[in-house]
Protein backbone atom coordinates (compact mmCIF):
# COMPACT_ATOMS: atom_id res chain seq x y z
CA UNK A 1 -168.97 56.52 -4.85
CA UNK A 2 -171.38 53.58 -4.85
CA UNK A 3 -174.96 54.08 -5.90
CA UNK A 4 -177.47 52.91 -3.36
CA UNK A 5 -180.66 51.82 -5.02
CA UNK A 6 -183.67 51.54 -2.79
CA UNK A 7 -186.29 49.01 -3.77
CA UNK A 8 -189.46 50.18 -2.10
CA UNK A 9 -192.96 48.87 -1.55
CA UNK A 10 -193.78 48.78 -5.27
CA UNK A 11 -191.31 45.92 -5.75
CA UNK A 12 -191.49 44.25 -2.38
CA UNK A 13 -194.27 44.31 0.17
CA UNK A 14 -191.73 44.14 3.02
CA UNK A 15 -189.39 46.83 4.25
CA UNK A 16 -187.12 48.47 1.65
CA UNK A 17 -183.75 46.89 0.93
CA UNK A 18 -180.46 48.58 0.18
CA UNK A 19 -178.31 47.31 -2.70
CA UNK A 20 -174.99 49.05 -3.34
CA UNK A 21 -173.52 49.00 -6.82
CA UNK A 22 -170.31 50.58 -8.09
CA UNK A 23 -167.89 50.26 -10.98
CA UNK A 24 -168.76 47.65 -13.60
CA UNK A 25 -171.79 46.46 -11.62
CA UNK A 26 -173.24 49.95 -11.64
CA UNK A 27 -172.51 50.35 -15.37
CA UNK A 28 -174.25 47.07 -16.14
CA UNK A 29 -177.24 48.01 -13.99
CA UNK A 30 -177.56 51.39 -15.73
CA UNK A 31 -177.33 49.74 -19.17
CA UNK A 32 -180.02 47.23 -18.19
CA UNK A 33 -182.24 50.03 -16.86
CA UNK A 34 -182.03 51.85 -20.17
CA UNK A 35 -183.30 48.74 -21.94
CA UNK A 36 -185.62 47.07 -19.41
CA UNK A 37 -186.46 47.98 -15.85
CA UNK A 38 -187.80 44.45 -15.29
CA UNK A 39 -184.48 42.86 -16.23
CA UNK A 40 -182.55 45.43 -14.19
CA UNK A 41 -184.64 44.40 -11.17
CA UNK A 42 -183.61 40.77 -11.74
CA UNK A 43 -179.99 41.89 -11.60
CA UNK A 44 -180.60 43.77 -8.34
CA UNK A 45 -182.48 40.75 -7.00
CA UNK A 46 -179.43 38.56 -7.55
CA UNK A 47 -177.25 41.04 -5.66
CA UNK A 48 -179.74 41.26 -2.82
CA UNK A 49 -180.01 37.48 -2.56
CA UNK A 50 -176.22 37.14 -2.32
CA UNK A 51 -175.97 39.77 0.40
CA UNK A 52 -178.65 38.17 2.58
CA UNK A 53 -176.34 36.30 4.94
CA UNK A 54 -179.26 35.11 7.08
CA UNK A 55 -180.77 33.14 4.21
CA UNK A 56 -179.22 29.66 3.88
CA UNK A 57 -180.59 29.44 0.33
CA UNK A 58 -179.07 32.71 -0.84
CA UNK A 59 -176.82 31.11 -3.46
CA UNK A 60 -179.72 29.12 -4.90
CA UNK A 61 -181.87 32.25 -5.12
CA UNK A 62 -179.09 34.31 -6.67
CA UNK A 63 -178.42 31.58 -9.23
CA UNK A 64 -182.12 31.51 -10.11
CA UNK A 65 -182.13 35.29 -10.63
CA UNK A 66 -179.07 35.07 -12.88
CA UNK A 67 -180.57 32.19 -14.92
CA UNK A 68 -183.72 34.24 -15.45
CA UNK A 69 -181.66 37.29 -16.35
CA UNK A 70 -179.62 35.30 -18.89
CA UNK A 71 -182.79 34.02 -20.51
CA UNK A 72 -184.59 37.38 -20.59
CA UNK A 73 -181.63 39.54 -21.62
CA UNK A 74 -181.90 38.05 -25.10
CA UNK A 75 -185.16 40.02 -25.45
CA UNK A 76 -183.27 43.32 -25.21
CA UNK A 77 -179.84 42.55 -26.69
CA UNK A 78 -179.25 41.50 -30.28
CA UNK A 79 -176.99 38.50 -29.80
CA UNK A 80 -176.93 35.42 -31.97
CA UNK A 81 -177.23 32.34 -29.76
CA UNK A 82 -177.20 29.07 -31.65
CA UNK A 83 -179.39 26.44 -30.04
CA UNK A 84 -177.53 23.77 -28.16
CA UNK A 85 -179.75 20.75 -28.52
CA UNK A 86 -177.47 18.14 -27.07
CA UNK A 87 -179.61 16.56 -24.38
CA UNK A 88 -178.58 13.91 -21.91
CA UNK A 89 -179.33 11.03 -24.30
CA UNK A 90 -177.12 12.54 -27.03
CA UNK A 91 -174.34 13.27 -24.56
CA UNK A 92 -174.50 9.71 -23.26
CA UNK A 93 -174.28 8.34 -26.80
CA UNK A 94 -171.31 10.58 -27.57
CA UNK A 95 -169.60 9.52 -24.36
CA UNK A 96 -170.10 5.80 -25.15
CA UNK A 97 -168.67 6.33 -28.65
CA UNK A 98 -165.70 8.14 -27.19
CA UNK A 99 -165.07 5.38 -24.61
CA UNK A 100 -165.08 2.68 -27.30
CA UNK A 101 -161.84 4.16 -28.59
CA UNK A 102 -160.18 3.13 -25.34
CA UNK A 103 -161.58 -0.42 -25.12
CA UNK A 104 -159.03 -3.14 -25.69
CA UNK A 105 -159.56 -5.12 -28.87
CA UNK A 106 -159.84 -8.89 -28.61
CA UNK A 107 -158.05 -10.86 -31.32
């Protein structure tokens, strides 16, 4: 049976919204709630954004919620995340080096 979570006026000034969660989604939501209500709300926000078929930007909003959630979840979960510092300049340099291997040599 899906859990219906009602987000009321304390979270949104507008009318309450219904978000249904079941199975793995419900388990993840409950685990997030135990650690951080703020992060759990981000998760619900992503679900709500995806379900809002009248909003043409729903995928953009849901993606933003998930990006925020991925950044903030590190505050509550002990996971080692090595920094990936390869910016565009480094990637471009690596790509040029890689492409040189395929250039014909002139004799």
